[in-house]
Amino acid sequence: VGGEEFILLLPDCDLASARRRAEQLRQLVAKQPIHLPDHPPIELTISIGIAMDTRQQRPAEQLLRDADQALYQAKQLGRNRVECYGSPQPQSG
């Protein structure tokens, strides 16, 4: 989609399965540091936003906006996490 963003489509996948797969991907990335010569290992993390349309009634552009909003929420809540569009944000304090 953009410089550091990509889309993963999971047809016929429910929310629980999508979240589980996203979490597996997040953990795999975190376990694979990049090794460069004469440089300490670079550890990577990813934040993932999930949006679903089980009824296939929303335009693709709306799904992208929803996933982007969930991604922004993941970053706001500390990064290196998976968030789903429409899930409540934890209350602070």
N, C-alpha and C. Protein backbone atom coordinates (compact mmCIF):
# COMPACT_ATOMS: atom_id res chain seq x y z
N VAL A 1 0.84 -1.19 0.00
CA VAL A 1 0.00 0.00 0.00
C VAL A 1 0.87 1.24 0.00
N GLY A 2 1.79 1.31 0.94
CA GLY A 2 2.68 2.46 1.05
C GLY A 2 4.07 1.98 1.37
N GLY A 3 4.94 2.91 1.72
CA GLY A 3 6.34 2.60 1.97
C GLY A 3 6.56 1.47 2.94
N GLU A 4 5.86 1.47 4.05
CA GLU A 4 6.06 0.43 5.06
C GLU A 4 4.77 -0.31 5.38
N GLU A 5 3.78 -0.18 4.55
CA GLU A 5 2.50 -0.83 4.80
C GLU A 5 2.18 -1.81 3.68
N PHE A 6 1.53 -2.90 4.07
CA PHE A 6 1.08 -3.86 3.08
C PHE A 6 -0.26 -4.42 3.51
N ILE A 7 -0.94 -5.07 2.57
CA ILE A 7 -2.26 -5.64 2.81
C ILE A 7 -2.16 -7.16 2.70
N LEU A 8 -2.82 -7.82 3.62
CA LEU A 8 -2.94 -9.27 3.57
C LEU A 8 -4.43 -9.58 3.56
N LEU A 9 -4.90 -10.22 2.50
CA LEU A 9 -6.31 -10.59 2.41
C LEU A 9 -6.47 -12.04 2.84
N LEU A 10 -7.45 -12.26 3.71
CA LEU A 10 -7.72 -13.61 4.20
C LEU A 10 -9.18 -13.95 3.92
N PRO A 11 -9.50 -14.39 2.71
CA PRO A 11 -10.89 -14.72 2.41
C PRO A 11 -11.39 -15.90 3.25
N ASP A 12 -12.65 -15.86 3.57
CA ASP A 12 -13.29 -16.93 4.35
C ASP A 12 -12.60 -17.18 5.68
N CYS A 13 -12.19 -16.10 6.33
CA CYS A 13 -11.49 -16.19 7.62
C CYS A 13 -12.29 -15.36 8.63
N ASP A 14 -12.63 -15.96 9.77
CA ASP A 14 -13.35 -15.21 10.78
C ASP A 14 -12.40 -14.32 11.58
N LEU A 15 -12.95 -13.46 12.41
CA LEU A 15 -12.14 -12.50 13.14
C LEU A 15 -11.13 -13.18 14.07
N ALA A 16 -11.56 -14.21 14.76
CA ALA A 16 -10.64 -14.90 15.68
C ALA A 16 -9.46 -15.51 14.93
N SER A 17 -9.73 -16.10 13.78
CA SER A 17 -8.66 -16.69 12.97
C SER A 17 -7.74 -15.61 12.40
N ALA A 18 -8.32 -14.51 11.96
CA ALA A 18 -7.51 -13.41 11.43
C ALA A 18 -6.60 -12.84 12.51
N ARG A 19 -7.14 -12.65 13.69
CA ARG A 19 -6.34 -12.13 14.80
C ARG A 19 -5.22 -13.12 15.16
N ARG A 20 -5.54 -14.40 15.18
CA ARG A 20 -4.55 -15.43 15.51
C ARG A 20 -3.42 -15.44 14.46
N ARG A 21 -3.78 -15.37 13.20
CA ARG A 21 -2.76 -15.36 12.14
C ARG A 21 -1.91 -14.09 12.20
N ALA A 22 -2.55 -12.97 12.47
CA ALA A 22 -1.81 -11.71 12.58
C ALA A 22 -0.84 -11.77 13.75
N GLU A 23 -1.27 -12.33 14.85
CA GLU A 23 -0.40 -12.45 16.02
C GLU A 23 0.77 -13.39 15.73
N GLN A 24 0.53 -14.47 15.01
CA GLN A 24 1.61 -15.36 14.62
C GLN A 24 2.63 -14.63 13.75
N LEU A 25 2.16 -13.85 12.80
CA LEU A 25 3.04 -13.07 11.93
C LEU A 25 3.84 -12.07 12.75
N ARG A 26 3.18 -11.38 13.67
CA ARG A 26 3.87 -10.40 14.52
C ARG A 26 5.00 -11.07 15.30
N GLN A 27 4.72 -12.23 15.87
CA GLN A 27 5.73 -12.94 16.65
C GLN A 27 6.88 -13.45 15.78
N LEU A 28 6.57 -13.93 14.58
CA LEU A 28 7.62 -14.41 13.68
C LEU A 28 8.57 -13.29 13.29
N VAL A 29 8.03 -12.12 12.99
CA VAL A 29 8.87 -10.98 12.62
C VAL A 29 9.77 -10.60 13.80
N ALA A 30 9.22 -10.59 15.00
CA ALA A 30 10.00 -10.21 16.19
C ALA A 30 11.14 -11.19 16.47
N LYS A 31 10.98 -12.44 16.05
CA LYS A 31 12.00 -13.46 16.31
C LYS A 31 13.11 -13.49 15.26
N GLN A 32 13.00 -12.66 14.22
CA GLN A 32 13.96 -12.71 13.12
C GLN A 32 14.73 -11.40 12.98
N PRO A 33 15.71 -11.16 13.84
CA PRO A 33 16.48 -9.92 13.69
C PRO A 33 17.27 -9.93 12.38
N ILE A 34 17.57 -8.75 11.90
CA ILE A 34 18.37 -8.61 10.68
C ILE A 34 19.83 -8.49 11.09
N HIS A 35 20.68 -9.31 10.49
CA HIS A 35 22.11 -9.31 10.81
C HIS A 35 22.87 -8.67 9.65
N LEU A 36 23.60 -7.63 9.95
CA LEU A 36 24.44 -6.95 8.98
C LEU A 36 25.90 -7.03 9.43
N PRO A 37 26.82 -7.04 8.48
CA PRO A 37 28.23 -7.06 8.88
C PRO A 37 28.59 -5.81 9.68
N ASP A 38 29.38 -6.00 10.70
CA ASP A 38 29.88 -4.88 11.52
C ASP A 38 28.77 -4.02 12.10
N HIS A 39 27.67 -4.64 12.45
CA HIS A 39 26.54 -3.90 13.01
C HIS A 39 25.81 -4.82 13.97
N PRO A 40 25.36 -4.29 15.10
CA PRO A 40 24.57 -5.16 15.99
C PRO A 40 23.26 -5.57 15.31
N PRO A 41 22.70 -6.69 15.70
CA PRO A 41 21.43 -7.14 15.09
C PRO A 41 20.34 -6.07 15.22
N ILE A 42 19.54 -5.96 14.18
CA ILE A 42 18.43 -5.01 14.16
C ILE A 42 17.15 -5.78 14.44
N GLU A 43 16.52 -5.46 15.55
CA GLU A 43 15.27 -6.14 15.91
C GLU A 43 14.10 -5.39 15.29
N LEU A 44 13.19 -6.13 14.70
CA LEU A 44 12.02 -5.56 14.05
C LEU A 44 10.76 -5.88 14.82
N THR A 45 9.82 -4.98 14.76
CA THR A 45 8.47 -5.23 15.28
C THR A 45 7.49 -4.73 14.24
N ILE A 46 6.28 -5.24 14.31
CA ILE A 46 5.23 -4.75 13.42
C ILE A 46 3.95 -4.52 14.22
N SER A 47 3.19 -3.56 13.76
CA SER A 47 1.85 -3.31 14.29
C SER A 47 0.88 -3.68 13.19
N ILE A 48 -0.23 -4.31 13.57
CA ILE A 48 -1.18 -4.81 12.58
C ILE A 48 -2.58 -4.32 12.92
N GLY A 49 -3.27 -3.82 11.89
CA GLY A 49 -4.66 -3.42 12.01
C GLY A 49 -5.53 -4.35 11.17
N ILE A 50 -6.60 -4.83 11.76
CA ILE A 50 -7.50 -5.77 11.07
C ILE A 50 -8.87 -5.12 10.89
N ALA A 51 -9.41 -5.28 9.68
CA ALA A 51 -10.79 -4.87 9.39
C ALA A 51 -11.47 -6.02 8.67
N MET A 52 -12.75 -6.23 8.96
CA MET A 52 -13.48 -7.34 8.36
C MET A 52 -14.78 -6.87 7.75
N ASP A 53 -15.22 -7.60 6.75
CA ASP A 53 -16.53 -7.38 6.13
C ASP A 53 -17.11 -8.73 5.79
N THR A 54 -17.71 -9.38 6.78
CA THR A 54 -18.21 -10.74 6.58
C THR A 54 -19.39 -10.80 5.61
N ARG A 55 -20.09 -9.71 5.46
CA ARG A 55 -21.25 -9.70 4.55
C ARG A 55 -20.90 -9.21 3.15
N GLN A 56 -19.66 -8.78 2.95
CA GLN A 56 -19.18 -8.28 1.67
C GLN A 56 -20.06 -7.16 1.14
N GLN A 57 -20.37 -6.20 2.04
CA GLN A 57 -21.23 -5.09 1.68
C GLN A 57 -20.52 -3.74 1.67
N ARG A 58 -19.30 -3.70 2.20
CA ARG A 58 -18.61 -2.42 2.29
C ARG A 58 -17.60 -2.29 1.16
N PRO A 59 -17.43 -1.10 0.63
CA PRO A 59 -16.43 -0.92 -0.43
C PRO A 59 -15.02 -1.17 0.09
N ALA A 60 -14.13 -1.59 -0.80
CA ALA A 60 -12.75 -1.88 -0.44
C ALA A 60 -12.08 -0.66 0.19
N GLU A 61 -12.39 0.52 -0.30
CA GLU A 61 -11.79 1.74 0.24
C GLU A 61 -12.15 1.92 1.71
N GLN A 62 -13.38 1.58 2.09
CA GLN A 62 -13.79 1.70 3.49
C GLN A 62 -13.06 0.67 4.35
N LEU A 63 -12.91 -0.53 3.84
CA LEU A 63 -12.17 -1.56 4.59
C LEU A 63 -10.72 -1.12 4.82
N LEU A 64 -10.11 -0.51 3.81
CA LEU A 64 -8.74 -0.01 3.97
C LEU A 64 -8.67 1.09 5.02
N ARG A 65 -9.66 1.99 5.01
CA ARG A 65 -9.68 3.05 6.03
C ARG A 65 -9.86 2.45 7.42
N ASP A 66 -10.72 1.46 7.54
CA ASP A 66 -10.96 0.82 8.83
C ASP A 66 -9.70 0.10 9.33
N ALA A 67 -9.02 -0.62 8.43
CA ALA A 67 -7.79 -1.31 8.81
C ALA A 67 -6.73 -0.29 9.21
N ASP A 68 -6.66 0.83 8.49
CA ASP A 68 -5.70 1.87 8.82
C ASP A 68 -5.99 2.47 10.19
N GLN A 69 -7.27 2.64 10.51
CA GLN A 69 -7.64 3.16 11.83
C GLN A 69 -7.24 2.18 12.93
N ALA A 70 -7.44 0.89 12.69
CA ALA A 70 -7.03 -0.13 13.66
C ALA A 70 -5.51 -0.14 13.81
N LEU A 71 -4.79 0.05 12.70
CA LEU A 71 -3.33 0.12 12.75
C LEU A 71 -2.89 1.33 13.58
N TYR A 72 -3.53 2.46 13.36
CA TYR A 72 -3.20 3.67 14.12
C TYR A 72 -3.45 3.42 15.62
N GLN A 73 -4.54 2.72 15.94
CA GLN A 73 -4.84 2.40 17.34
C GLN A 73 -3.74 1.51 17.92
N ALA A 74 -3.26 0.53 17.14
CA ALA A 74 -2.18 -0.34 17.62
C ALA A 74 -0.93 0.48 17.91
N LYS A 75 -0.64 1.44 17.07
CA LYS A 75 0.54 2.28 17.29
C LYS A 75 0.35 3.18 18.51
N GLN A 76 -0.86 3.71 18.68
CA GLN A 76 -1.15 4.56 19.84
C GLN A 76 -1.02 3.79 21.15
N LEU A 77 -1.36 2.53 21.12
CA LEU A 77 -1.37 1.72 22.34
C LEU A 77 -0.01 1.08 22.64
N GLY A 78 1.02 1.48 21.90
CA GLY A 78 2.36 1.03 22.24
C GLY A 78 3.12 0.30 21.15
N ARG A 79 2.53 0.11 19.99
CA ARG A 79 3.19 -0.58 18.87
C ARG A 79 3.41 -2.06 19.16
N ASN A 80 3.86 -2.76 18.11
CA ASN A 80 4.16 -4.19 18.23
C ASN A 80 2.97 -4.96 18.79
N ARG A 81 1.81 -4.73 18.17
CA ARG A 81 0.58 -5.38 18.64
C ARG A 81 -0.41 -5.50 17.49
N VAL A 82 -1.48 -6.25 17.73
CA VAL A 82 -2.55 -6.46 16.77
C VAL A 82 -3.81 -5.82 17.32
N GLU A 83 -4.47 -5.01 16.51
CA GLU A 83 -5.75 -4.40 16.90
C GLU A 83 -6.77 -4.62 15.79
N CYS A 84 -8.02 -4.78 16.19
CA CYS A 84 -9.11 -4.96 15.24
C CYS A 84 -9.97 -3.70 15.20
N TYR A 85 -10.42 -3.33 14.02
CA TYR A 85 -11.27 -2.17 13.86
C TYR A 85 -12.54 -2.37 14.69
N GLY A 86 -12.88 -1.35 15.46
CA GLY A 86 -14.10 -1.39 16.25
C GLY A 86 -13.92 -1.96 17.64
N SER A 87 -12.73 -2.51 17.96
CA SER A 87 -12.54 -3.02 19.32
C SER A 87 -12.32 -1.83 20.26
N PRO A 88 -12.86 -1.90 21.45
CA PRO A 88 -12.75 -0.76 22.36
C PRO A 88 -11.32 -0.53 22.81
N GLN A 89 -10.98 0.74 23.00
CA GLN A 89 -9.66 1.09 23.52
C GLN A 89 -9.67 0.97 25.03
N PRO A 90 -8.57 0.50 25.61
CA PRO A 90 -8.51 0.42 27.07
C PRO A 90 -8.61 1.81 27.69
N GLN A 91 -9.26 1.90 28.81
CA GLN A 91 -9.39 3.17 29.52
C GLN A 91 -8.12 3.45 30.28
N SER A 92 -7.63 4.69 30.23
CA SER A 92 -6.44 5.05 30.99
C SER A 92 -6.85 5.53 32.37
N GLY A 93 -5.91 5.38 33.31
CA GLY A 93 -6.18 5.87 34.66
C GLY A 93 -6.72 4.80 35.47
